[in-house]
Amino acid sequence: MQYFLERKWARELDYRLIKELWSCTDNRIAVRFAYEWHDDSGHWHRSYGNENWEFNEQGFMRCRYASINDLPIREADRKFFWPLGRRPDGHPGLGDLGL
């Protein structure tokens, strides 16, 4: 797992993420998300997906299922422009951006 994450983080540069709660019941949460990033050649991508999390009785994640699709985009088609780090309060969400 560590090797996978190291490769992913080395490949996905200037990563900016928007994640929105889709559903929440008992010990399960579902979210949808999109993130933008570029590779070391400067090619931009937007990755879309859904995640489902299940937690145990102590509140720790028991399992996570994710489905992610990467879409090449032109730099001019980017929608996430805040400085690296946490998305600023008040920044439009996925629905507001038409995603």
PDB file of N, CA and C in Angstrom:
ATOM      1  N   MET A   1       0.819  -1.191   0.000  1.00  0.00           N
ATOM      2  CA  MET A   1       0.000   0.000   0.000  1.00  0.00           C
ATOM      3  C   MET A   1       0.863   1.255   0.000  1.00  0.00           C
ATOM      4  N   GLN A   2       1.932   1.253   0.790  1.00  0.00           N
ATOM      5  CA  GLN A   2       2.799   2.421   0.869  1.00  0.00           C
ATOM      6  C   GLN A   2       3.387   2.743  -0.499  1.00  0.00           C
ATOM      7  N   TYR A   3       3.863   1.721  -1.233  1.00  0.00           N
ATOM      8  CA  TYR A   3       4.440   1.937  -2.556  1.00  0.00           C
ATOM      9  C   TYR A   3       3.402   2.523  -3.510  1.00  0.00           C
ATOM     10  N   PHE A   4       2.180   1.999  -3.464  1.00  0.00           N
ATOM     11  CA  PHE A   4       1.098   2.519  -4.301  1.00  0.00           C
ATOM     12  C   PHE A   4       0.867   4.007  -4.035  1.00  0.00           C
ATOM     13  N   LEU A   5       0.762   4.377  -2.758  1.00  0.00           N
ATOM     14  CA  LEU A   5       0.516   5.782  -2.419  1.00  0.00           C
ATOM     15  C   LEU A   5       1.687   6.678  -2.795  1.00  0.00           C
ATOM     16  N   GLU A   6       2.912   6.218  -2.598  1.00  0.00           N
ATOM     17  CA  GLU A   6       4.076   7.014  -2.988  1.00  0.00           C
ATOM     18  C   GLU A   6       4.077   7.283  -4.488  1.00  0.00           C
ATOM     19  N   ARG A   7       3.774   6.263  -5.298  1.00  0.00           N
ATOM     20  CA  ARG A   7       3.693   6.446  -6.762  1.00  0.00           C
ATOM     21  C   ARG A   7       2.578   7.407  -7.129  1.00  0.00           C
ATOM     22  N   LYS A   8       1.411   7.247  -6.504  1.00  0.00           N
ATOM     23  CA  LYS A   8       0.257   8.093  -6.788  1.00  0.00           C
ATOM     24  C   LYS A   8       0.579   9.555  -6.481  1.00  0.00           C
ATOM     25  N   TRP A   9       1.160   9.811  -5.313  1.00  0.00           N
ATOM     26  CA  TRP A   9       1.451  11.194  -4.906  1.00  0.00           C
ATOM     27  C   TRP A   9       2.565  11.799  -5.742  1.00  0.00           C
ATOM     28  N   ALA A  10       3.500  10.983  -6.216  1.00  0.00           N
ATOM     29  CA  ALA A  10       4.566  11.494  -7.080  1.00  0.00           C
ATOM     30  C   ALA A  10       4.031  11.830  -8.465  1.00  0.00           C
ATOM     31  N   ARG A  11       2.975  11.165  -8.892  1.00  0.00           N
ATOM     32  CA  ARG A  11       2.398  11.355 -10.223  1.00  0.00           C
ATOM     33  C   ARG A  11       1.378  12.489 -10.250  1.00  0.00           C
ATOM     34  N   GLU A  12       0.556  12.612  -9.220  1.00  0.00           N
ATOM     35  CA  GLU A  12      -0.553  13.564  -9.193  1.00  0.00           C
ATOM     36  C   GLU A  12      -0.106  14.855  -8.504  1.00  0.00           C
ATOM     37  N   LEU A  13       0.411  15.789  -9.290  1.00  0.00           N
ATOM     38  CA  LEU A  13       0.978  17.035  -8.767  1.00  0.00           C
ATOM     39  C   LEU A  13      -0.073  18.134  -8.679  1.00  0.00           C
ATOM     40  N   ASP A  14       0.121  19.047  -7.736  1.00  0.00           N
ATOM     41  CA  ASP A  14      -0.782  20.200  -7.529  1.00  0.00           C
ATOM     42  C   ASP A  14      -2.236  19.767  -7.397  1.00  0.00           C
ATOM     43  N   TYR A  15      -2.452  18.748  -6.621  1.00  0.00           N
ATOM     44  CA  TYR A  15      -3.731  18.068  -6.395  1.00  0.00           C
ATOM     45  C   TYR A  15      -4.675  18.975  -5.605  1.00  0.00           C
ATOM     46  N   ARG A  16      -5.891  19.176  -6.147  1.00  0.00           N
ATOM     47  CA  ARG A  16      -6.936  19.932  -5.454  1.00  0.00           C
ATOM     48  C   ARG A  16      -8.224  19.112  -5.507  1.00  0.00           C
ATOM     49  N   LEU A  17      -8.866  18.958  -4.356  1.00  0.00           N
ATOM     50  CA  LEU A  17      -9.973  18.013  -4.197  1.00  0.00           C
ATOM     51  C   LEU A  17     -11.224  18.711  -3.678  1.00  0.00           C
ATOM     52  N   ILE A  18     -12.374  18.315  -4.238  1.00  0.00           N
ATOM     53  CA  ILE A  18     -13.674  18.663  -3.655  1.00  0.00           C
ATOM     54  C   ILE A  18     -14.395  17.348  -3.390  1.00  0.00           C
ATOM     55  N   LYS A  19     -14.845  17.188  -2.160  1.00  0.00           N
ATOM     56  CA  LYS A  19     -15.544  15.976  -1.744  1.00  0.00           C
ATOM     57  C   LYS A  19     -16.853  16.404  -1.104  1.00  0.00           C
ATOM     58  N   GLU A  20     -17.951  15.736  -1.449  1.00  0.00           N
ATOM     59  CA  GLU A  20     -19.268  16.074  -0.905  1.00  0.00           C
ATOM     60  C   GLU A  20     -19.957  14.831  -0.368  1.00  0.00           C
ATOM     61  N   LEU A  21     -20.579  14.984   0.794  1.00  0.00           N
ATOM     62  CA  LEU A  21     -21.354  13.902   1.388  1.00  0.00           C
ATOM     63  C   LEU A  21     -22.542  13.588   0.500  1.00  0.00           C
ATOM     64  N   TRP A  22     -22.729  12.308   0.223  1.00  0.00           N
ATOM     65  CA  TRP A  22     -23.834  11.881  -0.619  1.00  0.00           C
ATOM     66  C   TRP A  22     -24.915  11.238   0.242  1.00  0.00           C
ATOM     67  N   SER A  23     -24.471  10.419   1.197  1.00  0.00           N
ATOM     68  CA  SER A  23     -25.422   9.719   2.052  1.00  0.00           C
ATOM     69  C   SER A  23     -24.714   9.302   3.339  1.00  0.00           C
ATOM     70  N   CYS A  24     -25.495   9.212   4.416  1.00  0.00           N
ATOM     71  CA  CYS A  24     -24.940   8.806   5.700  1.00  0.00           C
ATOM     72  C   CYS A  24     -26.022   8.040   6.458  1.00  0.00           C
ATOM     73  N   THR A  25     -25.716   6.807   6.849  1.00  0.00           N
ATOM     74  CA  THR A  25     -26.643   5.966   7.593  1.00  0.00           C
ATOM     75  C   THR A  25     -25.870   5.107   8.575  1.00  0.00           C
ATOM     76  N   ASP A  26     -26.291   5.094   9.821  1.00  0.00           N
ATOM     77  CA  ASP A  26     -25.676   4.243  10.847  1.00  0.00           C
ATOM     78  C   ASP A  26     -24.157   4.363  10.805  1.00  0.00           C
ATOM     79  N   ASN A  27     -23.469   3.297  10.395  1.00  0.00           N
ATOM     80  CA  ASN A  27     -22.010   3.297  10.382  1.00  0.00           C
ATOM     81  C   ASN A  27     -21.428   3.371   8.964  1.00  0.00           C
ATOM     82  N   ARG A  28     -22.200   3.914   8.024  1.00  0.00           N
ATOM     83  CA  ARG A  28     -21.759   3.998   6.629  1.00  0.00           C
ATOM     84  C   ARG A  28     -21.904   5.416   6.102  1.00  0.00           C
ATOM     85  N   ILE A  29     -20.933   5.795   5.274  1.00  0.00           N
ATOM     86  CA  ILE A  29     -20.942   7.111   4.619  1.00  0.00           C
ATOM     87  C   ILE A  29     -20.620   6.896   3.147  1.00  0.00           C
ATOM     88  N   ALA A  30     -21.296   7.637   2.285  1.00  0.00           N
ATOM     89  CA  ALA A  30     -20.978   7.648   0.857  1.00  0.00           C
ATOM     90  C   ALA A  30     -20.694   9.101   0.457  1.00  0.00           C
ATOM     91  N   VAL A  31     -19.637   9.293  -0.312  1.00  0.00           N
ATOM     92  CA  VAL A  31     -19.296  10.620  -0.810  1.00  0.00           C
ATOM     93  C   VAL A  31     -19.038  10.543  -2.312  1.00  0.00           C
ATOM     94  N   ARG A  32     -19.187  11.692  -2.957  1.00  0.00           N
ATOM     95  CA  ARG A  32     -18.742  11.820  -4.338  1.00  0.00           C
ATOM     96  C   ARG A  32     -17.652  12.867  -4.341  1.00  0.00           C
ATOM     97  N   PHE A  33     -16.759  12.791  -5.315  1.00  0.00           N
ATOM     98  CA  PHE A  33     -15.623  13.701  -5.312  1.00  0.00           C
ATOM     99  C   PHE A  33     -15.123  13.954  -6.726  1.00  0.00           C
ATOM    100  N   ALA A  34     -14.366  15.014  -6.854  1.00  0.00           N
ATOM    101  CA  ALA A  34     -13.601  15.306  -8.065  1.00  0.00           C
ATOM    102  C   ALA A  34     -12.318  15.976  -7.613  1.00  0.00           C
ATOM    103  N   TYR A  35     -11.239  15.671  -8.289  1.00  0.00           N
ATOM    104  CA  TYR A  35      -9.992  16.380  -8.022  1.00  0.00           C
ATOM    105  C   TYR A  35      -9.261  16.626  -9.327  1.00  0.00           C
ATOM    106  N   GLU A  36      -8.504  17.713  -9.339  1.00  0.00           N
ATOM    107  CA  GLU A  36      -7.708  18.085 -10.506  1.00  0.00           C
ATOM    108  C   GLU A  36      -6.239  17.994 -10.142  1.00  0.00           C
ATOM    109  N   TRP A  37      -5.436  17.605 -11.107  1.00  0.00           N
ATOM    110  CA  TRP A  37      -4.008  17.441 -10.902  1.00  0.00           C
ATOM    111  C   TRP A  37      -3.328  17.433 -12.259  1.00  0.00           C
ATOM    112  N   HIS A  38      -2.008  17.605 -12.243  1.00  0.00           N
ATOM    113  CA  HIS A  38      -1.249  17.459 -13.484  1.00  0.00           C
ATOM    114  C   HIS A  38      -0.081  16.509 -13.244  1.00  0.00           C
ATOM    115  N   ASP A  39       0.389  15.915 -14.335  1.00  0.00           N
ATOM    116  CA  ASP A  39       1.542  15.024 -14.231  1.00  0.00           C
ATOM    117  C   ASP A  39       2.823  15.830 -14.441  1.00  0.00           C
ATOM    118  N   ASP A  40       3.958  15.160 -14.410  1.00  0.00           N
ATOM    119  CA  ASP A  40       5.230  15.869 -14.527  1.00  0.00           C
ATOM    120  C   ASP A  40       5.499  16.405 -15.930  1.00  0.00           C
ATOM    121  N   SER A  41       4.638  16.077 -16.895  1.00  0.00           N
ATOM    122  CA  SER A  41       4.730  16.647 -18.241  1.00  0.00           C
ATOM    123  C   SER A  41       3.813  17.845 -18.407  1.00  0.00           C
ATOM    124  N   GLY A  42       3.063  18.193 -17.343  1.00  0.00           N
ATOM    125  CA  GLY A  42       2.164  19.333 -17.404  1.00  0.00           C
ATOM    126  C   GLY A  42       0.785  19.025 -17.963  1.00  0.00           C
ATOM    127  N   HIS A  43       0.468  17.747 -18.175  1.00  0.00           N
ATOM    128  CA  HIS A  43      -0.861  17.356 -18.664  1.00  0.00           C
ATOM    129  C   HIS A  43      -1.835  17.332 -17.495  1.00  0.00           C
ATOM    130  N   TRP A  44      -2.962  18.039 -17.651  1.00  0.00           N
ATOM    131  CA  TRP A  44      -3.959  18.145 -16.582  1.00  0.00           C
ATOM    132  C   TRP A  44      -4.996  17.040 -16.690  1.00  0.00           C
ATOM    133  N   HIS A  45      -5.541  16.667 -15.533  1.00  0.00           N
ATOM    134  CA  HIS A  45      -6.572  15.624 -15.434  1.00  0.00           C
ATOM    135  C   HIS A  45      -7.587  16.046 -14.387  1.00  0.00           C
ATOM    136  N   ARG A  46      -8.805  15.582 -14.576  1.00  0.00           N
ATOM    137  CA  ARG A  46      -9.822  15.674 -13.524  1.00  0.00           C
ATOM    138  C   ARG A  46     -10.245  14.243 -13.239  1.00  0.00           C
ATOM    139  N   SER A  47     -10.185  13.859 -11.991  1.00  0.00           N
ATOM    140  CA  SER A  47     -10.566  12.514 -11.570  1.00  0.00           C
ATOM    141  C   SER A  47     -11.876  12.625 -10.807  1.00  0.00           C
ATOM    142  N   TYR A  48     -12.845  11.780 -11.194  1.00  0.00           N
ATOM    143  CA  TYR A  48     -14.167  11.766 -10.580  1.00  0.00           C
ATOM    144  C   TYR A  48     -14.370  10.440  -9.879  1.00  0.00           C
ATOM    145  N   GLY A  49     -15.223  10.428  -8.877  1.00  0.00           N
ATOM    146  CA  GLY A  49     -15.523   9.140  -8.298  1.00  0.00           C
ATOM    147  C   GLY A  49     -16.477   9.186  -7.133  1.00  0.00           C
ATOM    148  N   ASN A  50     -16.660   8.007  -6.573  1.00  0.00           N
ATOM    149  CA  ASN A  50     -17.503   7.784  -5.403  1.00  0.00           C
ATOM    150  C   ASN A  50     -16.717   6.931  -4.420  1.00  0.00           C
ATOM    151  N   GLU A  51     -16.952   7.168  -3.146  1.00  0.00           N
ATOM    152  CA  GLU A  51     -16.350   6.360  -2.096  1.00  0.00           C
ATOM    153  C   GLU A  51     -17.429   5.950  -1.114  1.00  0.00           C
ATOM    154  N   ASN A  52     -17.321   4.735  -0.635  1.00  0.00           N
ATOM    155  CA  ASN A  52     -18.209   4.227   0.408  1.00  0.00           C
ATOM    156  C   ASN A  52     -17.342   3.753   1.559  1.00  0.00           C
ATOM    157  N   TRP A  53     -17.647   4.237   2.742  1.00  0.00           N
ATOM    158  CA  TRP A  53     -16.887   3.880   3.940  1.00  0.00           C
ATOM    159  C   TRP A  53     -17.808   3.194   4.943  1.00  0.00           C
ATOM    160  N   GLU A  54     -17.251   2.210   5.631  1.00  0.00           N
ATOM    161  CA  GLU A  54     -17.951   1.556   6.725  1.00  0.00           C
ATOM    162  C   GLU A  54     -17.030   1.580   7.941  1.00  0.00           C
ATOM    163  N   PHE A  55     -17.602   1.936   9.106  1.00  0.00           N
ATOM    164  CA  PHE A  55     -16.828   2.090  10.325  1.00  0.00           C
ATOM    165  C   PHE A  55     -17.203   1.031  11.353  1.00  0.00           C
ATOM    166  N   ASN A  56     -16.233   0.649  12.190  1.00  0.00           N
ATOM    167  CA  ASN A  56     -16.516  -0.318  13.250  1.00  0.00           C
ATOM    168  C   ASN A  56     -17.088   0.404  14.476  1.00  0.00           C
ATOM    169  N   GLU A  57     -17.318  -0.358  15.542  1.00  0.00           N
ATOM    170  CA  GLU A  57     -17.947   0.185  16.738  1.00  0.00           C
ATOM    171  C   GLU A  57     -17.101   1.262  17.422  1.00  0.00           C
ATOM    172  N   GLN A  58     -15.782   1.248  17.204  1.00  0.00           N
ATOM    173  CA  GLN A  58     -14.893   2.254  17.794  1.00  0.00           C
ATOM    174  C   GLN A  58     -14.731   3.489  16.901  1.00  0.00           C
ATOM    175  N   GLY A  59     -15.375   3.481  15.744  1.00  0.00           N
ATOM    176  CA  GLY A  59     -15.291   4.620  14.835  1.00  0.00           C
ATOM    177  C   GLY A  59     -14.157   4.556  13.832  1.00  0.00           C
ATOM    178  N   PHE A  60     -13.436   3.424  13.805  1.00  0.00           N
ATOM    179  CA  PHE A  60     -12.352   3.257  12.843  1.00  0.00           C
ATOM    180  C   PHE A  60     -12.904   2.679  11.538  1.00  0.00           C
ATOM    181  N   MET A  61     -12.298   3.080  10.424  1.00  0.00           N
ATOM    182  CA  MET A  61     -12.749   2.582   9.130  1.00  0.00           C
ATOM    183  C   MET A  61     -12.526   1.072   9.042  1.00  0.00           C
ATOM    184  N   ARG A  62     -13.597   0.368   8.752  1.00  0.00           N
ATOM    185  CA  ARG A  62     -13.549  -1.086   8.595  1.00  0.00           C
ATOM    186  C   ARG A  62     -13.248  -1.438   7.142  1.00  0.00           C
ATOM    187  N   CYS A  63     -13.907  -0.740   6.227  1.00  0.00           N
ATOM    188  CA  CYS A  63     -13.644  -0.978   4.811  1.00  0.00           C
ATOM    189  C   CYS A  63     -13.966   0.285   4.004  1.00  0.00           C
ATOM    190  N   ARG A  64     -13.326   0.370   2.859  1.00  0.00           N
ATOM    191  CA  ARG A  64     -13.513   1.502   1.950  1.00  0.00           C
ATOM    192  C   ARG A  64     -13.565   0.943   0.537  1.00  0.00           C
ATOM    193  N   TYR A  65     -14.563   1.383  -0.213  1.00  0.00           N
ATOM    194  CA  TYR A  65     -14.676   1.028  -1.616  1.00  0.00           C
ATOM    195  C   TYR A  65     -14.688   2.326  -2.405  1.00  0.00           C
ATOM    196  N   ALA A  66     -13.886   2.389  -3.456  1.00  0.00           N
ATOM    197  CA  ALA A  66     -13.816   3.601  -4.266  1.00  0.00           C
ATOM    198  C   ALA A  66     -13.852   3.235  -5.743  1.00  0.00           C
ATOM    199  N   SER A  67     -14.476   4.095  -6.501  1.00  0.00           N
ATOM    200  CA  SER A  67     -14.483   3.989  -7.955  1.00  0.00           C
ATOM    201  C   SER A  67     -14.018   5.338  -8.480  1.00  0.00           C
ATOM    202  N   ILE A  68     -12.930   5.345  -9.251  1.00  0.00           N
ATOM    203  CA  ILE A  68     -12.332   6.597  -9.710  1.00  0.00           C
ATOM    204  C   ILE A  68     -12.065   6.504 -11.207  1.00  0.00           C
ATOM    205  N   ASN A  69     -12.441   7.560 -11.938  1.00  0.00           N
ATOM    206  CA  ASN A  69     -12.183   7.662 -13.365  1.00  0.00           C
ATOM    207  C   ASN A  69     -11.372   8.927 -13.625  1.00  0.00           C
ATOM    208  N   ASP A  70     -10.291   8.800 -14.400  1.00  0.00           N
ATOM    209  CA  ASP A  70      -9.448   9.934 -14.749  1.00  0.00           C
ATOM    210  C   ASP A  70      -9.803  10.428 -16.142  1.00  0.00           C
ATOM    211  N   LEU A  71      -9.956  11.735 -16.281  1.00  0.00           N
ATOM    212  CA  LEU A  71     -10.311  12.355 -17.551  1.00  0.00           C
ATOM    213  C   LEU A  71      -9.266  13.413 -17.887  1.00  0.00           C
ATOM    214  N   PRO A  72      -8.560  13.284 -19.018  1.00  0.00           N
ATOM    215  CA  PRO A  72      -7.641  14.355 -19.407  1.00  0.00           C
ATOM    216  C   PRO A  72      -8.434  15.634 -19.689  1.00  0.00           C
ATOM    217  N   ILE A  73      -7.920  16.774 -19.231  1.00  0.00           N
ATOM    218  CA  ILE A  73      -8.556  18.067 -19.499  1.00  0.00           C
ATOM    219  C   ILE A  73      -7.488  19.051 -19.975  1.00  0.00           C
ATOM    220  N   ARG A  74      -7.938  20.078 -20.663  1.00  0.00           N
ATOM    221  CA  ARG A  74      -7.024  21.170 -21.024  1.00  0.00           C
ATOM    222  C   ARG A  74      -6.837  22.045 -19.790  1.00  0.00           C
ATOM    223  N   GLU A  75      -5.699  22.674 -19.677  1.00  0.00           N
ATOM    224  CA  GLU A  75      -5.473  23.556 -18.536  1.00  0.00           C
ATOM    225  C   GLU A  75      -6.554  24.631 -18.482  1.00  0.00           C
ATOM    226  N   ALA A  76      -7.029  25.078 -19.643  1.00  0.00           N
ATOM    227  CA  ALA A  76      -8.068  26.105 -19.706  1.00  0.00           C
ATOM    228  C   ALA A  76      -9.410  25.624 -19.157  1.00  0.00           C
ATOM    229  N   ASP A  77      -9.588  24.307 -19.036  1.00  0.00           N
ATOM    230  CA  ASP A  77     -10.850  23.745 -18.530  1.00  0.00           C
ATOM    231  C   ASP A  77     -10.830  23.474 -17.032  1.00  0.00           C
ATOM    232  N   ARG A  78      -9.732  23.826 -16.359  1.00  0.00           N
ATOM    233  CA  ARG A  78      -9.663  23.636 -14.908  1.00  0.00           C
ATOM    234  C   ARG A  78     -10.720  24.474 -14.202  1.00  0.00           C
ATOM    235  N   LYS A  79     -11.166  23.979 -13.040  1.00  0.00           N
ATOM    236  CA  LYS A  79     -12.168  24.691 -12.242  1.00  0.00           C
ATOM    237  C   LYS A  79     -11.721  24.917 -10.802  1.00  0.00           C
ATOM    238  N   PHE A  80     -10.641  24.283 -10.383  1.00  0.00           N
ATOM    239  CA  PHE A  80     -10.181  24.362  -8.993  1.00  0.00           C
ATOM    240  C   PHE A  80      -8.898  25.196  -8.961  1.00  0.00           C
ATOM    241  N   PHE A  81      -8.980  26.431  -8.478  1.00  0.00           N
ATOM    242  CA  PHE A  81      -7.849  27.359  -8.569  1.00  0.00           C
ATOM    243  C   PHE A  81      -7.329  27.885  -7.244  1.00  0.00           C
ATOM    244  N   TRP A  82      -7.764  27.358  -6.118  1.00  0.00           N
ATOM    245  CA  TRP A  82      -7.276  27.891  -4.845  1.00  0.00           C
ATOM    246  C   TRP A  82      -5.818  27.469  -4.629  1.00  0.00           C
ATOM    247  N   PRO A  83      -5.109  28.182  -3.737  1.00  0.00           N
ATOM    248  CA  PRO A  83      -3.727  27.778  -3.416  1.00  0.00           C
ATOM    249  C   PRO A  83      -3.716  26.361  -2.854  1.00  0.00           C
ATOM    250  N   LEU A  84      -2.594  25.686  -3.002  1.00  0.00           N
ATOM    251  CA  LEU A  84      -2.494  24.321  -2.470  1.00  0.00           C
ATOM    252  C   LEU A  84      -2.888  24.287  -1.005  1.00  0.00           C
ATOM    253  N   GLY A  85      -3.542  23.210  -0.626  1.00  0.00           N
ATOM    254  CA  GLY A  85      -4.023  23.051   0.734  1.00  0.00           C
ATOM    255  C   GLY A  85      -5.529  22.889   0.735  1.00  0.00           C
ATOM    256  N   ARG A  86      -6.106  23.116   1.885  1.00  0.00           N
ATOM    257  CA  ARG A  86      -7.548  22.959   2.095  1.00  0.00           C
ATOM    258  C   ARG A  86      -8.346  23.881   1.178  1.00  0.00           C
ATOM    259  N   ARG A  87      -9.461  23.359   0.664  1.00  0.00           N
ATOM    260  CA  ARG A  87     -10.353  24.187  -0.156  1.00  0.00           C
ATOM    261  C   ARG A  87     -10.919  25.303   0.709  1.00  0.00           C
ATOM    262  N   PRO A  88     -10.850  26.541   0.238  1.00  0.00           N
ATOM    263  CA  PRO A  88     -11.341  27.659   1.055  1.00  0.00           C
ATOM    264  C   PRO A  88     -12.851  27.576   1.303  1.00  0.00           C
ATOM    265  N   ASP A  89     -13.270  28.010   2.480  1.00  0.00           N
ATOM    266  CA  ASP A  89     -14.694  28.130   2.768  1.00  0.00           C
ATOM    267  C   ASP A  89     -15.306  29.052   1.725  1.00  0.00           C
ATOM    268  N   GLY A  90     -16.506  28.736   1.281  1.00  0.00           N
ATOM    269  CA  GLY A  90     -17.189  29.569   0.310  1.00  0.00           C
ATOM    270  C   GLY A  90     -16.847  29.243  -1.135  1.00  0.00           C
ATOM    271  N   HIS A  91     -15.861  28.367  -1.379  1.00  0.00           N
ATOM    272  CA  HIS A  91     -15.556  27.983  -2.765  1.00  0.00           C
ATOM    273  C   HIS A  91     -16.700  27.125  -3.279  1.00  0.00           C
ATOM    274  N   PRO A  92     -17.124  27.309  -4.526  1.00  0.00           N
ATOM    275  CA  PRO A  92     -18.239  26.501  -5.052  1.00  0.00           C
ATOM    276  C   PRO A  92     -17.986  25.002  -4.918  1.00  0.00           C
ATOM    277  N   GLY A  93     -19.051  24.253  -4.675  1.00  0.00           N
ATOM    278  CA  GLY A  93     -18.980  22.806  -4.595  1.00  0.00           C
ATOM    279  C   GLY A  93     -19.150  22.185  -5.965  1.00  0.00           C
ATOM    280  N   LEU A  94     -19.213  20.863  -6.005  1.00  0.00           N
ATOM    281  CA  LEU A  94     -19.300  20.146  -7.283  1.00  0.00           C
ATOM    282  C   LEU A  94     -20.556  20.522  -8.063  1.00  0.00           C
ATOM    283  N   GLY A  95     -21.708  20.537  -7.382  1.00  0.00           N
ATOM    284  CA  GLY A  95     -22.947  20.897  -8.069  1.00  0.00           C
ATOM    285  C   GLY A  95     -22.919  22.316  -8.600  1.00  0.00           C
ATOM    286  N   ASP A  96     -22.356  23.246  -7.811  1.00  0.00           N
ATOM    287  CA  ASP A  96     -22.269  24.641  -8.237  1.00  0.00           C
ATOM    288  C   ASP A  96     -21.382  24.791  -9.463  1.00  0.00           C
ATOM    289  N   LEU A  97     -20.394  23.911  -9.597  1.00  0.00           N
ATOM    290  CA  LEU A  97     -19.466  23.982 -10.731  1.00  0.00           C
ATOM    291  C   LEU A  97     -19.959  23.161 -11.930  1.00  0.00           C
ATOM    292  N   GLY A  98     -21.118  22.515 -11.796  1.00  0.00           N
ATOM    293  CA  GLY A  98     -21.652  21.712 -12.880  1.00  0.00           C
ATOM    294  C   GLY A  98     -20.963  20.374 -13.034  1.00  0.00           C
ATOM    295  N   LEU A  99     -20.392  19.849 -11.948  1.00  0.00           N
ATOM    296  CA  LEU A  99     -19.671  18.569 -12.025  1.00  0.00           C
ATOM    297  C   LEU A  99     -20.436  17.454 -11.354  1.00  0.00           C
TER     298      LEU A  99
END
